[in-house]
Amino acid sequence: MSVVTSNHEIRIQSQLEPIKNIMVYDMLVRLVFEKDNIGNPEFIVQNLNAKEKALIIKIVLENGQLIARKIVL
């Protein structure tokens, strides 16, 4: 799993399975972005209006595997 940030975008790539869902939370655990039924191994989160610079990304793959990452924009 690769999570890369640049220019206020978050690029998420899965080498194992297609991505099913993505949820992005701020550090107060408020949901700031959610996308369901993606079905692709790559997704880019754009135009994220997060007041916090540190975020938690929760990724669910098609096989049900849950992956969480902490990033800084």
Protein backbone atom coordinates (compact mmCIF):
# COMPACT_ATOMS: atom_id res chain seq x y z
CA MET A 1 0.00 0.00 0.00
CA SER A 2 1.37 3.37 -0.99
CA VAL A 3 0.03 6.69 0.34
CA VAL A 4 1.78 9.79 -1.05
CA THR A 5 0.91 13.44 -0.53
CA SER A 6 1.76 16.41 -2.72
CA ASN A 7 0.10 19.74 -3.53
CA HIS A 8 -2.81 19.04 -1.14
CA GLU A 9 -3.59 15.77 -2.94
CA ILE A 10 -3.42 12.28 -1.49
CA ARG A 11 -2.52 9.47 -3.93
CA ILE A 12 -3.41 5.99 -2.66
CA GLN A 13 -2.17 2.89 -4.54
CA SER A 14 -2.79 -0.73 -3.65
CA GLN A 15 -0.58 -3.44 -5.12
CA LEU A 16 -2.68 -6.29 -3.69
CA GLU A 17 -6.39 -5.69 -4.23
CA PRO A 18 -8.64 -2.96 -5.63
CA ILE A 19 -9.66 -0.29 -3.15
CA LYS A 20 -13.26 -0.53 -1.94
CA ASN A 21 -13.64 2.46 0.42
CA ILE A 22 -11.58 5.40 1.65
CA MET A 23 -12.28 7.52 4.71
CA VAL A 24 -10.18 10.51 5.77
CA TYR A 25 -10.35 11.81 9.35
CA ASP A 26 -8.81 14.83 11.01
CA MET A 27 -6.94 14.46 14.31
CA LEU A 28 -10.19 15.00 16.25
CA VAL A 29 -11.55 11.92 14.43
CA ARG A 30 -14.05 13.93 12.39
CA LEU A 31 -14.77 12.52 8.94
CA VAL A 32 -13.56 15.04 6.34
CA PHE A 33 -13.78 12.84 3.20
CA GLU A 34 -15.40 9.54 2.26
CA LYS A 35 -15.63 7.59 -1.01
CA ASP A 36 -17.36 4.21 -1.39
CA ASN A 37 -17.35 1.57 -4.14
CA ILE A 38 -14.10 2.69 -5.78
CA GLY A 39 -13.14 -0.64 -7.39
CA ASN A 40 -9.71 0.53 -8.64
CA PRO A 41 -6.19 -0.10 -7.31
CA GLU A 42 -5.49 3.67 -7.33
CA PHE A 43 -7.41 6.72 -6.10
CA ILE A 44 -6.54 10.40 -5.69
CA VAL A 45 -8.19 12.54 -3.02
CA GLN A 46 -8.31 16.12 -4.33
CA ASN A 47 -9.60 19.44 -3.02
CA LEU A 48 -9.55 18.30 0.57
CA ASN A 49 -10.75 21.08 2.85
CA ALA A 50 -9.09 19.86 6.01
CA LYS A 51 -8.41 22.42 8.71
CA GLU A 52 -5.86 20.11 10.28
CA LYS A 53 -2.61 19.27 8.55
CA ALA A 54 -2.31 15.79 10.09
CA LEU A 55 -4.88 13.28 8.83
CA ILE A 56 -5.78 9.64 9.34
CA ILE A 57 -6.57 7.63 6.20
CA LYS A 58 -8.66 4.46 6.58
CA ILE A 59 -8.59 2.24 3.48
CA VAL A 60 -10.72 -0.86 2.98
CA LEU A 61 -9.70 -3.23 0.16
CA GLU A 62 -12.11 -5.40 -1.84
CA ASN A 63 -11.04 -8.47 0.18
CA GLY A 64 -12.07 -6.71 3.43
CA GLN A 65 -8.55 -5.89 4.61
CA LEU A 66 -8.39 -2.64 6.60
CA ILE A 67 -5.33 -0.39 6.36
CA ALA A 68 -4.82 2.85 8.29
CA ARG A 69 -2.15 5.48 7.70
CA LYS A 70 -1.35 8.79 9.34
CA ILE A 71 -0.21 11.52 6.94
CA VAL A 72 0.72 15.18 7.03
CA LEU A 73 -0.42 17.51 4.25
